[in-house]
Amino acid sequence: VQLQESGPGLVKPSQTLSLTCAVSGDSITTNYYHWAWIRQPPGKGLEWMGDIAYSGSTFYSPSLGSRISISRDIANNMMYLQMNSLKPEDTAVYYCAATYRPLWGGVPTTASSYDNWGQGTQVTVSS
């Protein structure tokens, strides 16, 4: 599986961020795969933001609440992240990632659960 993120790079505070993850090598509907957005602020650790499962079900980090939305385009094999009300502390490298997780394994909510990663895209929130 190969993943490639793309996005605006620089966003102003209070605006909405939109990121795209292009997936190749496998379908985003392949059974038991989870497709996540993970970020890493400067000098900090990796933070799982949320994911969309092969079924289309979505799971979000409670810390981000209703600020984020993850969706997908099955026809084009792409995944999207939207995050509103951006703040300077949202400045980070944003990654899309994928992993296989059978039903009994639960939802993979840690960055270490994911074994396929994109190269990441820098997002800076600044006026």
N, C-alpha and C. Protein backbone atom coordinates (compact mmCIF):
# COMPACT_ATOMS: atom_id res chain seq x y z
N VAL A 1 0.85 -1.19 0.00
CA VAL A 1 0.00 0.00 0.00
C VAL A 1 0.88 1.24 0.00
N GLN A 2 0.55 2.18 -0.88
CA GLN A 2 1.25 3.46 -0.91
C GLN A 2 0.25 4.58 -0.63
N LEU A 3 0.69 5.54 0.16
CA LEU A 3 -0.18 6.66 0.52
C LEU A 3 0.55 7.97 0.26
N GLN A 4 -0.17 8.95 -0.22
CA GLN A 4 0.42 10.25 -0.54
C GLN A 4 -0.51 11.36 -0.09
N GLU A 5 -0.04 12.17 0.85
CA GLU A 5 -0.84 13.27 1.35
C GLU A 5 -0.63 14.53 0.50
N SER A 6 -1.63 15.36 0.47
CA SER A 6 -1.49 16.68 -0.16
C SER A 6 -2.39 17.66 0.57
N GLY A 7 -1.95 18.91 0.58
CA GLY A 7 -2.70 19.92 1.29
C GLY A 7 -2.14 21.30 1.05
N PRO A 8 -2.68 22.31 1.73
CA PRO A 8 -2.36 23.70 1.41
C PRO A 8 -1.04 24.22 1.98
N GLY A 9 -0.51 23.56 3.00
CA GLY A 9 0.75 24.03 3.57
C GLY A 9 0.58 25.11 4.62
N LEU A 10 -0.05 26.21 4.26
CA LEU A 10 -0.23 27.34 5.19
C LEU A 10 -1.71 27.67 5.27
N VAL A 11 -2.22 27.75 6.49
CA VAL A 11 -3.63 28.05 6.72
C VAL A 11 -3.71 29.11 7.83
N LYS A 12 -4.68 29.99 7.71
CA LYS A 12 -4.84 31.04 8.73
C LYS A 12 -5.67 30.52 9.90
N PRO A 13 -5.43 31.07 11.08
CA PRO A 13 -6.25 30.68 12.24
C PRO A 13 -7.73 30.91 11.96
N SER A 14 -8.53 30.03 12.52
CA SER A 14 -9.99 29.99 12.40
C SER A 14 -10.48 29.40 11.09
N GLN A 15 -9.57 29.20 10.13
CA GLN A 15 -9.99 28.62 8.86
C GLN A 15 -10.13 27.10 8.97
N THR A 16 -10.59 26.49 7.88
CA THR A 16 -10.76 25.05 7.80
C THR A 16 -9.65 24.43 6.96
N LEU A 17 -9.07 23.36 7.50
CA LEU A 17 -8.03 22.62 6.79
C LEU A 17 -8.65 21.47 6.01
N SER A 18 -8.22 21.31 4.78
CA SER A 18 -8.64 20.17 3.97
C SER A 18 -7.41 19.46 3.43
N LEU A 19 -7.28 18.19 3.78
CA LEU A 19 -6.16 17.37 3.31
C LEU A 19 -6.68 16.18 2.52
N THR A 20 -5.88 15.74 1.57
CA THR A 20 -6.22 14.59 0.74
C THR A 20 -5.15 13.52 0.87
N CYS A 21 -5.57 12.27 0.90
CA CYS A 21 -4.65 11.14 0.90
C CYS A 21 -5.00 10.25 -0.29
N ALA A 22 -4.08 10.17 -1.23
CA ALA A 22 -4.26 9.30 -2.38
C ALA A 22 -3.71 7.92 -2.06
N VAL A 23 -4.53 6.90 -2.23
CA VAL A 23 -4.14 5.53 -1.89
C VAL A 23 -3.93 4.73 -3.17
N SER A 24 -2.85 3.96 -3.22
CA SER A 24 -2.60 3.07 -4.34
C SER A 24 -2.08 1.74 -3.81
N GLY A 25 -2.20 0.73 -4.62
CA GLY A 25 -1.72 -0.59 -4.24
C GLY A 25 -2.75 -1.47 -3.58
N ASP A 26 -3.86 -0.86 -3.13
CA ASP A 26 -4.95 -1.63 -2.53
C ASP A 26 -6.16 -0.72 -2.48
N SER A 27 -7.33 -1.32 -2.33
CA SER A 27 -8.56 -0.54 -2.26
C SER A 27 -8.84 -0.11 -0.83
N ILE A 28 -9.38 1.10 -0.67
CA ILE A 28 -9.73 1.56 0.67
C ILE A 28 -10.94 0.82 1.23
N THR A 29 -11.54 -0.05 0.43
CA THR A 29 -12.64 -0.87 0.93
C THR A 29 -12.20 -2.30 1.24
N THR A 30 -10.90 -2.57 1.12
CA THR A 30 -10.40 -3.92 1.42
C THR A 30 -10.76 -4.29 2.86
N ASN A 31 -11.31 -5.49 3.02
CA ASN A 31 -11.79 -5.91 4.33
C ASN A 31 -10.75 -5.75 5.44
N TYR A 32 -11.25 -5.19 6.56
CA TYR A 32 -10.51 -5.08 7.82
C TYR A 32 -9.38 -4.06 7.81
N TYR A 33 -9.29 -3.23 6.77
CA TYR A 33 -8.30 -2.17 6.79
C TYR A 33 -8.88 -0.90 7.44
N HIS A 34 -8.02 -0.22 8.18
CA HIS A 34 -8.33 1.08 8.75
C HIS A 34 -7.39 2.10 8.14
N TRP A 35 -7.93 3.29 7.87
CA TRP A 35 -7.18 4.36 7.21
C TRP A 35 -7.27 5.59 8.10
N ALA A 36 -6.11 6.02 8.58
CA ALA A 36 -6.10 7.03 9.64
C ALA A 36 -5.39 8.31 9.22
N TRP A 37 -5.72 9.35 9.96
CA TRP A 37 -4.94 10.59 9.94
C TRP A 37 -4.23 10.70 11.29
N ILE A 38 -2.94 10.97 11.20
CA ILE A 38 -2.07 11.06 12.38
C ILE A 38 -1.21 12.31 12.20
N ARG A 39 -0.98 13.05 13.27
CA ARG A 39 -0.18 14.26 13.14
C ARG A 39 0.93 14.30 14.18
N GLN A 40 1.94 15.11 13.90
CA GLN A 40 3.04 15.29 14.82
C GLN A 40 3.43 16.76 14.88
N PRO A 41 3.02 17.45 15.95
CA PRO A 41 3.44 18.84 16.14
C PRO A 41 4.94 18.92 16.36
N PRO A 42 5.53 20.08 16.11
CA PRO A 42 6.98 20.20 16.30
C PRO A 42 7.39 19.91 17.74
N GLY A 43 8.35 19.03 17.90
CA GLY A 43 8.87 18.70 19.22
C GLY A 43 7.99 17.79 20.05
N LYS A 44 6.91 17.27 19.47
CA LYS A 44 5.98 16.42 20.21
C LYS A 44 5.83 15.06 19.54
N GLY A 45 5.09 14.20 20.18
CA GLY A 45 4.89 12.85 19.66
C GLY A 45 3.77 12.77 18.64
N LEU A 46 3.59 11.58 18.12
CA LEU A 46 2.54 11.33 17.13
C LEU A 46 1.18 11.27 17.82
N GLU A 47 0.19 11.86 17.18
CA GLU A 47 -1.18 11.88 17.71
C GLU A 47 -2.14 11.30 16.69
N TRP A 48 -2.81 10.22 17.07
CA TRP A 48 -3.86 9.65 16.24
C TRP A 48 -5.06 10.57 16.28
N MET A 49 -5.54 11.00 15.11
CA MET A 49 -6.65 11.94 15.05
C MET A 49 -7.98 11.24 14.81
N GLY A 50 -7.93 10.19 14.00
CA GLY A 50 -9.15 9.47 13.69
C GLY A 50 -8.92 8.57 12.50
N ASP A 51 -9.90 7.71 12.22
CA ASP A 51 -9.76 6.86 11.05
C ASP A 51 -11.10 6.50 10.46
N ILE A 52 -11.03 6.02 9.22
CA ILE A 52 -12.20 5.50 8.53
C ILE A 52 -11.91 4.05 8.20
N ALA A 53 -12.81 3.19 8.57
CA ALA A 53 -12.61 1.76 8.35
C ALA A 53 -13.06 1.37 6.95
N TYR A 54 -12.71 0.14 6.57
CA TYR A 54 -13.09 -0.39 5.25
C TYR A 54 -14.59 -0.31 5.02
N SER A 55 -15.35 -0.38 6.11
CA SER A 55 -16.81 -0.36 6.03
C SER A 55 -17.36 1.05 5.82
N GLY A 56 -16.53 2.04 6.05
CA GLY A 56 -16.98 3.42 6.00
C GLY A 56 -17.23 4.02 7.37
N SER A 57 -17.19 3.20 8.41
CA SER A 57 -17.37 3.72 9.77
C SER A 57 -16.19 4.62 10.13
N THR A 58 -16.50 5.68 10.87
CA THR A 58 -15.46 6.62 11.27
C THR A 58 -15.31 6.66 12.77
N PHE A 59 -14.09 6.92 13.21
CA PHE A 59 -13.74 6.98 14.62
C PHE A 59 -12.84 8.18 14.82
N TYR A 60 -13.12 8.96 15.88
CA TYR A 60 -12.38 10.19 16.08
C TYR A 60 -11.81 10.26 17.49
N SER A 61 -10.67 10.96 17.60
CA SER A 61 -10.10 11.19 18.91
C SER A 61 -11.00 12.11 19.72
N PRO A 62 -11.29 11.74 20.97
CA PRO A 62 -12.14 12.61 21.80
C PRO A 62 -11.55 14.01 21.99
N SER A 63 -10.23 14.12 21.94
CA SER A 63 -9.60 15.43 22.16
C SER A 63 -9.87 16.41 21.03
N LEU A 64 -10.22 15.86 19.87
CA LEU A 64 -10.50 16.75 18.74
C LEU A 64 -11.98 16.96 18.56
N GLY A 65 -12.77 16.09 19.18
CA GLY A 65 -14.21 16.27 19.20
C GLY A 65 -14.82 16.43 17.83
N SER A 66 -15.64 17.45 17.70
CA SER A 66 -16.37 17.66 16.45
C SER A 66 -15.60 18.53 15.46
N ARG A 67 -14.34 18.81 15.76
CA ARG A 67 -13.56 19.67 14.85
C ARG A 67 -13.16 18.97 13.57
N ILE A 68 -13.12 17.64 13.61
CA ILE A 68 -12.62 16.94 12.44
C ILE A 68 -13.68 16.06 11.80
N SER A 69 -13.47 15.80 10.51
CA SER A 69 -14.32 14.89 9.76
C SER A 69 -13.44 14.16 8.76
N ILE A 70 -13.59 12.84 8.72
CA ILE A 70 -12.84 12.01 7.77
C ILE A 70 -13.83 11.38 6.82
N SER A 71 -13.51 11.44 5.54
CA SER A 71 -14.39 10.88 4.52
C SER A 71 -13.55 10.20 3.45
N ARG A 72 -14.24 9.59 2.49
CA ARG A 72 -13.50 8.88 1.44
C ARG A 72 -14.24 8.97 0.11
N ASP A 73 -13.50 8.75 -0.95
CA ASP A 73 -14.03 8.67 -2.30
C ASP A 73 -13.62 7.29 -2.83
N ILE A 74 -14.57 6.37 -2.83
CA ILE A 74 -14.25 4.99 -3.21
C ILE A 74 -13.83 4.91 -4.67
N ALA A 75 -14.50 5.65 -5.53
CA ALA A 75 -14.21 5.56 -6.97
C ALA A 75 -12.78 5.96 -7.28
N ASN A 76 -12.28 6.96 -6.54
CA ASN A 76 -10.93 7.44 -6.79
C ASN A 76 -9.91 6.96 -5.76
N ASN A 77 -10.38 6.11 -4.84
CA ASN A 77 -9.48 5.52 -3.83
C ASN A 77 -8.74 6.60 -3.04
N MET A 78 -9.50 7.54 -2.51
CA MET A 78 -8.90 8.64 -1.77
C MET A 78 -9.60 8.81 -0.43
N MET A 79 -8.85 9.41 0.49
CA MET A 79 -9.36 9.70 1.82
C MET A 79 -9.13 11.17 2.10
N TYR A 80 -10.02 11.76 2.91
CA TYR A 80 -9.95 13.18 3.15
C TYR A 80 -10.02 13.47 4.65
N LEU A 81 -9.40 14.60 5.02
CA LEU A 81 -9.52 15.13 6.38
C LEU A 81 -9.97 16.58 6.28
N GLN A 82 -10.98 16.91 7.05
CA GLN A 82 -11.35 18.32 7.24
C GLN A 82 -11.29 18.63 8.72
N MET A 83 -10.67 19.74 9.04
CA MET A 83 -10.58 20.18 10.44
C MET A 83 -10.88 21.66 10.49
N ASN A 84 -11.84 22.03 11.31
CA ASN A 84 -12.25 23.43 11.35
C ASN A 84 -11.66 24.15 12.57
N SER A 85 -11.89 25.44 12.59
CA SER A 85 -11.46 26.30 13.71
C SER A 85 -9.97 26.11 14.02
N LEU A 86 -9.16 26.22 13.02
CA LEU A 86 -7.74 25.96 13.20
C LEU A 86 -7.09 26.95 14.15
N LYS A 87 -6.11 26.44 14.93
CA LYS A 87 -5.35 27.24 15.87
C LYS A 87 -3.87 27.06 15.57
N PRO A 88 -3.03 27.98 16.03
CA PRO A 88 -1.59 27.81 15.80
C PRO A 88 -1.05 26.47 16.33
N GLU A 89 -1.64 25.96 17.40
CA GLU A 89 -1.17 24.68 17.95
C GLU A 89 -1.55 23.48 17.09
N ASP A 90 -2.31 23.71 16.02
CA ASP A 90 -2.59 22.65 15.06
C ASP A 90 -1.46 22.52 14.03
N THR A 91 -0.47 23.39 14.12
CA THR A 91 0.70 23.28 13.25
C THR A 91 1.38 21.94 13.49
N ALA A 92 1.58 21.18 12.41
CA ALA A 92 2.12 19.83 12.55
C ALA A 92 2.41 19.25 11.17
N VAL A 93 3.10 18.11 11.17
CA VAL A 93 3.18 17.29 9.97
C VAL A 93 2.00 16.32 10.06
N TYR A 94 1.22 16.27 9.02
CA TYR A 94 0.04 15.42 8.98
C TYR A 94 0.31 14.22 8.07
N TYR A 95 0.04 13.04 8.61
CA TYR A 95 0.26 11.79 7.89
C TYR A 95 -1.06 11.05 7.68
N CYS A 96 -1.17 10.36 6.55
CA CYS A 96 -2.20 9.34 6.45
C CYS A 96 -1.49 7.98 6.59
N ALA A 97 -2.20 7.04 7.16
CA ALA A 97 -1.60 5.75 7.46
C ALA A 97 -2.67 4.66 7.36
N ALA A 98 -2.22 3.43 7.20
CA ALA A 98 -3.15 2.32 7.05
C ALA A 98 -2.65 1.11 7.82
N THR A 99 -3.60 0.29 8.25
CA THR A 99 -3.25 -0.96 8.89
C THR A 99 -4.38 -1.96 8.73
N TYR A 100 -4.03 -3.23 8.82
CA TYR A 100 -5.00 -4.31 8.82
C TYR A 100 -5.35 -4.63 10.27
N ARG A 101 -6.64 -4.67 10.57
CA ARG A 101 -7.04 -4.97 11.94
C ARG A 101 -8.31 -5.81 11.89
N PRO A 102 -8.23 -7.09 12.26
CA PRO A 102 -9.45 -7.92 12.28
C PRO A 102 -10.45 -7.40 13.29
N LEU A 103 -11.68 -7.82 13.17
CA LEU A 103 -12.76 -7.30 14.00
C LEU A 103 -12.48 -7.46 15.49
N TRP A 104 -11.87 -8.60 15.85
CA TRP A 104 -11.63 -8.84 17.27
C TRP A 104 -10.55 -7.93 17.83
N GLY A 105 -9.83 -7.23 16.96
CA GLY A 105 -8.74 -6.38 17.41
C GLY A 105 -9.16 -4.99 17.83
N GLY A 106 -10.41 -4.62 17.58
CA GLY A 106 -10.87 -3.29 17.95
C GLY A 106 -10.35 -2.22 16.99
N VAL A 107 -10.61 -0.98 17.34
CA VAL A 107 -10.20 0.15 16.51
C VAL A 107 -8.76 0.54 16.84
N PRO A 108 -7.90 0.63 15.86
CA PRO A 108 -6.50 1.02 16.13
C PRO A 108 -6.39 2.51 16.38
N THR A 109 -6.21 2.89 17.64
CA THR A 109 -6.23 4.31 18.01
C THR A 109 -4.87 4.84 18.43
N THR A 110 -3.82 4.10 18.11
CA THR A 110 -2.48 4.60 18.40
C THR A 110 -1.65 4.59 17.11
N ALA A 111 -0.73 5.53 17.03
CA ALA A 111 0.10 5.63 15.83
C ALA A 111 0.90 4.35 15.60
N SER A 112 1.32 3.72 16.68
CA SER A 112 2.14 2.51 16.56
C SER A 112 1.37 1.33 15.98
N SER A 113 0.03 1.45 15.91
CA SER A 113 -0.78 0.38 15.33
C SER A 113 -0.70 0.35 13.81
N TYR A 114 -0.19 1.41 13.21
CA TYR A 114 -0.22 1.56 11.76
C TYR A 114 1.13 1.23 11.15
N ASP A 115 1.11 0.45 10.07
CA ASP A 115 2.37 0.00 9.48
C ASP A 115 2.58 0.46 8.05
N ASN A 116 1.64 1.21 7.50
CA ASN A 116 1.82 1.81 6.18
C ASN A 116 1.59 3.31 6.31
N TRP A 117 2.58 4.10 5.91
CA TRP A 117 2.52 5.54 6.11
C TRP A 117 2.83 6.30 4.84
N GLY A 118 2.19 7.45 4.70
CA GLY A 118 2.60 8.40 3.69
C GLY A 118 3.82 9.16 4.17
N GLN A 119 4.35 10.03 3.33
CA GLN A 119 5.55 10.79 3.69
C GLN A 119 5.23 11.97 4.59
N GLY A 120 3.96 12.35 4.67
CA GLY A 120 3.56 13.47 5.52
C GLY A 120 3.53 14.77 4.76
N THR A 121 2.69 15.67 5.24
CA THR A 121 2.60 17.00 4.66
C THR A 121 2.59 18.03 5.78
N GLN A 122 3.42 19.04 5.66
CA GLN A 122 3.51 20.08 6.68
C GLN A 122 2.34 21.02 6.57
N VAL A 123 1.72 21.29 7.71
CA VAL A 123 0.65 22.28 7.78
C VAL A 123 1.04 23.30 8.84
N THR A 124 1.09 24.54 8.45
CA THR A 124 1.41 25.63 9.38
C THR A 124 0.19 26.53 9.51
N VAL A 125 -0.20 26.78 10.76
CA VAL A 125 -1.34 27.65 11.02
C VAL A 125 -0.80 28.98 11.52
N SER A 126 -0.92 29.99 10.72
CA SER A 126 -0.35 31.29 11.05
C SER A 126 -1.04 32.37 10.24
N SER A 127 -1.17 33.54 10.88
CA SER A 127 -1.75 34.67 10.17
C SER A 127 -0.68 35.44 9.40
